[in-house]
Amino acid sequence: MRIGEIAALVAVGSQTTVTLELAGPVEFVRPLGRRGSARVLRFHADDPRAAVAALQRGPVPPPLTPERTAPSSTPDLPA
């Protein structure tokens, strides 16, 4: 990972395939724990078109856990 004043580069095999320019800086934590900020993110994606399409769709809500309809069963006690 290389950090510039306004760009973060995440290279895989010395290649990047997607460049994401943000409206404003975003804070992040580097692999060794130091903090940084960037307005441009460059990274490698196996399928760049799919990555860009997913980014354009926006965040995906986490899957919902089904509601319980009955109490959990108690485990069998040892004999």
N, C-alpha and C. Protein backbone atom coordinates (compact mmCIF):
# COMPACT_ATOMS: atom_id res chain seq x y z
N MET A 1 0.86 -1.17 0.00
CA MET A 1 0.00 0.00 0.00
C MET A 1 0.90 1.23 0.00
N ARG A 2 0.65 2.12 -0.92
CA ARG A 2 1.40 3.36 -0.98
C ARG A 2 0.43 4.49 -0.70
N ILE A 3 0.82 5.41 0.17
CA ILE A 3 -0.05 6.50 0.56
C ILE A 3 0.54 7.82 0.09
N GLY A 4 -0.24 8.59 -0.63
CA GLY A 4 0.16 9.93 -1.03
C GLY A 4 -0.62 10.94 -0.21
N GLU A 5 -0.52 12.22 -0.57
CA GLU A 5 -1.27 13.23 0.17
C GLU A 5 -2.77 13.02 0.05
N ILE A 6 -3.25 12.68 -1.16
CA ILE A 6 -4.68 12.53 -1.35
C ILE A 6 -5.05 11.21 -2.00
N ALA A 7 -4.10 10.31 -2.19
CA ALA A 7 -4.41 9.05 -2.88
C ALA A 7 -3.89 7.87 -2.10
N ALA A 8 -4.65 6.78 -2.13
CA ALA A 8 -4.20 5.52 -1.55
C ALA A 8 -4.14 4.51 -2.69
N LEU A 9 -3.02 3.86 -2.84
CA LEU A 9 -2.81 2.89 -3.91
C LEU A 9 -2.70 1.51 -3.30
N VAL A 10 -3.59 0.62 -3.68
CA VAL A 10 -3.53 -0.77 -3.22
C VAL A 10 -3.23 -1.60 -4.46
N ALA A 11 -1.97 -1.95 -4.65
CA ALA A 11 -1.55 -2.66 -5.87
C ALA A 11 -1.46 -4.15 -5.62
N VAL A 12 -1.86 -4.91 -6.62
CA VAL A 12 -1.72 -6.36 -6.61
C VAL A 12 -0.91 -6.70 -7.84
N GLY A 13 0.27 -7.27 -7.66
CA GLY A 13 1.13 -7.56 -8.80
C GLY A 13 1.50 -6.29 -9.56
N SER A 14 1.67 -5.19 -8.84
CA SER A 14 2.03 -3.89 -9.41
C SER A 14 0.98 -3.36 -10.38
N GLN A 15 -0.27 -3.81 -10.25
CA GLN A 15 -1.34 -3.36 -11.14
C GLN A 15 -2.52 -2.82 -10.35
N THR A 16 -3.13 -1.77 -10.90
CA THR A 16 -4.42 -1.32 -10.40
C THR A 16 -5.36 -1.30 -11.60
N THR A 17 -6.63 -1.61 -11.36
CA THR A 17 -7.57 -1.65 -12.46
C THR A 17 -8.76 -0.72 -12.24
N VAL A 18 -8.92 -0.23 -11.01
CA VAL A 18 -10.04 0.67 -10.71
C VAL A 18 -9.50 1.87 -9.96
N THR A 19 -9.92 3.06 -10.38
CA THR A 19 -9.59 4.30 -9.68
C THR A 19 -10.91 4.91 -9.22
N LEU A 20 -11.05 5.12 -7.92
CA LEU A 20 -12.26 5.66 -7.32
C LEU A 20 -11.94 7.04 -6.77
N GLU A 21 -12.54 8.08 -7.37
CA GLU A 21 -12.34 9.45 -6.90
C GLU A 21 -13.53 9.84 -6.05
N LEU A 22 -13.26 10.19 -4.79
CA LEU A 22 -14.31 10.51 -3.83
C LEU A 22 -14.58 12.01 -3.80
N ALA A 23 -15.77 12.39 -3.36
CA ALA A 23 -16.13 13.81 -3.25
C ALA A 23 -15.33 14.50 -2.15
N GLY A 24 -14.94 13.75 -1.14
CA GLY A 24 -14.16 14.31 -0.04
C GLY A 24 -13.26 13.24 0.54
N PRO A 25 -12.33 13.64 1.40
CA PRO A 25 -11.41 12.66 1.97
C PRO A 25 -12.11 11.67 2.90
N VAL A 26 -11.61 10.45 2.90
CA VAL A 26 -12.11 9.41 3.79
C VAL A 26 -10.94 8.95 4.65
N GLU A 27 -11.20 8.74 5.93
CA GLU A 27 -10.18 8.27 6.86
C GLU A 27 -10.10 6.75 6.79
N PHE A 28 -8.90 6.20 6.95
CA PHE A 28 -8.72 4.75 6.97
C PHE A 28 -7.55 4.39 7.86
N VAL A 29 -7.44 3.11 8.19
CA VAL A 29 -6.35 2.61 9.02
C VAL A 29 -5.45 1.76 8.12
N ARG A 30 -4.16 2.05 8.14
CA ARG A 30 -3.19 1.32 7.33
C ARG A 30 -2.93 -0.06 7.94
N PRO A 31 -2.33 -0.98 7.16
CA PRO A 31 -2.10 -2.33 7.67
C PRO A 31 -1.36 -2.41 9.01
N LEU A 32 -0.45 -1.49 9.28
CA LEU A 32 0.29 -1.55 10.55
C LEU A 32 -0.31 -0.64 11.61
N GLY A 33 -1.53 -0.15 11.37
CA GLY A 33 -2.25 0.58 12.41
C GLY A 33 -2.22 2.10 12.31
N ARG A 34 -1.35 2.67 11.49
CA ARG A 34 -1.32 4.13 11.36
C ARG A 34 -2.56 4.60 10.60
N ARG A 35 -2.97 5.83 10.85
CA ARG A 35 -4.14 6.39 10.18
C ARG A 35 -3.73 7.19 8.96
N GLY A 36 -4.63 7.27 8.00
CA GLY A 36 -4.40 8.07 6.81
C GLY A 36 -5.72 8.58 6.29
N SER A 37 -5.66 9.43 5.27
CA SER A 37 -6.88 9.88 4.60
C SER A 37 -6.58 9.98 3.11
N ALA A 38 -7.63 9.81 2.30
CA ALA A 38 -7.44 9.86 0.85
C ALA A 38 -8.74 10.29 0.18
N ARG A 39 -8.61 10.93 -0.97
CA ARG A 39 -9.76 11.27 -1.82
C ARG A 39 -9.81 10.39 -3.05
N VAL A 40 -8.70 9.70 -3.34
CA VAL A 40 -8.61 8.81 -4.50
C VAL A 40 -8.16 7.44 -4.02
N LEU A 41 -8.88 6.40 -4.42
CA LEU A 41 -8.49 5.02 -4.09
C LEU A 41 -8.25 4.29 -5.40
N ARG A 42 -7.11 3.63 -5.50
CA ARG A 42 -6.79 2.81 -6.68
C ARG A 42 -6.55 1.39 -6.21
N PHE A 43 -7.23 0.44 -6.84
CA PHE A 43 -7.09 -0.95 -6.41
C PHE A 43 -7.28 -1.89 -7.59
N HIS A 44 -6.88 -3.15 -7.40
CA HIS A 44 -7.03 -4.18 -8.42
C HIS A 44 -8.33 -4.94 -8.17
N ALA A 45 -9.04 -5.24 -9.25
CA ALA A 45 -10.24 -6.07 -9.18
C ALA A 45 -10.15 -7.10 -10.30
N ASP A 46 -10.45 -8.36 -9.99
CA ASP A 46 -10.45 -9.39 -11.03
C ASP A 46 -11.44 -9.06 -12.13
N ASP A 47 -12.58 -8.47 -11.75
CA ASP A 47 -13.60 -8.07 -12.72
C ASP A 47 -13.90 -6.59 -12.48
N PRO A 48 -13.11 -5.69 -13.10
CA PRO A 48 -13.27 -4.25 -12.84
C PRO A 48 -14.68 -3.74 -13.14
N ARG A 49 -15.30 -4.21 -14.21
CA ARG A 49 -16.65 -3.73 -14.55
C ARG A 49 -17.65 -4.09 -13.45
N ALA A 50 -17.56 -5.30 -12.93
CA ALA A 50 -18.46 -5.72 -11.86
C ALA A 50 -18.20 -4.91 -10.59
N ALA A 51 -16.93 -4.62 -10.30
CA ALA A 51 -16.59 -3.82 -9.11
C ALA A 51 -17.17 -2.42 -9.23
N VAL A 52 -17.02 -1.80 -10.39
CA VAL A 52 -17.55 -0.45 -10.60
C VAL A 52 -19.08 -0.47 -10.54
N ALA A 53 -19.71 -1.48 -11.12
CA ALA A 53 -21.17 -1.58 -11.07
C ALA A 53 -21.65 -1.71 -9.62
N ALA A 54 -20.96 -2.51 -8.82
CA ALA A 54 -21.33 -2.68 -7.41
C ALA A 54 -21.17 -1.37 -6.65
N LEU A 55 -20.11 -0.63 -6.93
CA LEU A 55 -19.90 0.66 -6.27
C LEU A 55 -20.98 1.66 -6.67
N GLN A 56 -21.41 1.63 -7.91
CA GLN A 56 -22.44 2.55 -8.37
C GLN A 56 -23.81 2.23 -7.77
N ARG A 57 -24.07 0.95 -7.46
CA ARG A 57 -25.34 0.57 -6.85
C ARG A 57 -25.47 1.10 -5.44
N GLY A 58 -24.37 1.31 -4.77
CA GLY A 58 -24.41 1.80 -3.40
C GLY A 58 -24.31 0.67 -2.39
N PRO A 59 -24.37 1.03 -1.11
CA PRO A 59 -24.21 0.01 -0.06
C PRO A 59 -25.35 -1.00 -0.06
N VAL A 60 -25.01 -2.21 0.28
CA VAL A 60 -25.98 -3.29 0.37
C VAL A 60 -26.24 -3.53 1.85
N PRO A 61 -27.52 -3.52 2.27
CA PRO A 61 -27.78 -3.76 3.69
C PRO A 61 -27.39 -5.19 4.07
N PRO A 62 -26.98 -5.39 5.31
CA PRO A 62 -26.61 -6.75 5.72
C PRO A 62 -27.83 -7.66 5.69
N PRO A 63 -27.61 -8.96 5.48
CA PRO A 63 -28.76 -9.87 5.46
C PRO A 63 -29.45 -9.90 6.83
N LEU A 64 -30.75 -10.02 6.80
CA LEU A 64 -31.51 -10.05 8.05
C LEU A 64 -31.55 -11.46 8.62
N THR A 65 -31.49 -11.53 9.92
CA THR A 65 -31.63 -12.80 10.61
C THR A 65 -33.12 -13.03 10.84
N PRO A 66 -33.63 -14.20 10.50
CA PRO A 66 -35.06 -14.42 10.72
C PRO A 66 -35.43 -14.29 12.18
N GLU A 67 -36.62 -13.77 12.43
CA GLU A 67 -37.08 -13.63 13.81
C GLU A 67 -37.35 -15.00 14.41
N ARG A 68 -37.17 -15.09 15.71
CA ARG A 68 -37.50 -16.33 16.40
C ARG A 68 -39.00 -16.41 16.60
N THR A 69 -39.51 -17.59 16.43
CA THR A 69 -40.95 -17.81 16.65
C THR A 69 -41.18 -18.64 17.90
N ALA A 70 -40.09 -19.14 18.49
CA ALA A 70 -40.19 -19.93 19.70
C ALA A 70 -38.85 -19.83 20.44
N PRO A 71 -38.85 -20.13 21.74
CA PRO A 71 -37.59 -20.09 22.47
C PRO A 71 -36.62 -21.14 21.94
N SER A 72 -35.34 -20.88 22.14
CA SER A 72 -34.32 -21.85 21.76
C SER A 72 -34.49 -23.11 22.58
N SER A 73 -34.19 -24.22 21.96
CA SER A 73 -34.28 -25.48 22.71
C SER A 73 -33.09 -25.57 23.66
N THR A 74 -33.31 -26.23 24.78
CA THR A 74 -32.21 -26.41 25.74
C THR A 74 -31.44 -27.65 25.34
N PRO A 75 -30.13 -27.60 25.48
CA PRO A 75 -29.34 -28.79 25.12
C PRO A 75 -29.65 -29.93 26.09
N ASP A 76 -29.52 -31.16 25.60
CA ASP A 76 -29.72 -32.33 26.45
C ASP A 76 -28.64 -32.37 27.52
N LEU A 77 -29.05 -32.66 28.73
CA LEU A 77 -28.10 -32.78 29.83
C LEU A 77 -27.42 -34.14 29.76
N PRO A 78 -26.15 -34.20 30.15
CA PRO A 78 -25.46 -35.50 30.14
C PRO A 78 -26.13 -36.48 31.11
N ALA A 79 -26.12 -37.73 30.75
CA ALA A 79 -26.76 -38.76 31.58
C ALA A 79 -25.91 -39.16 32.74
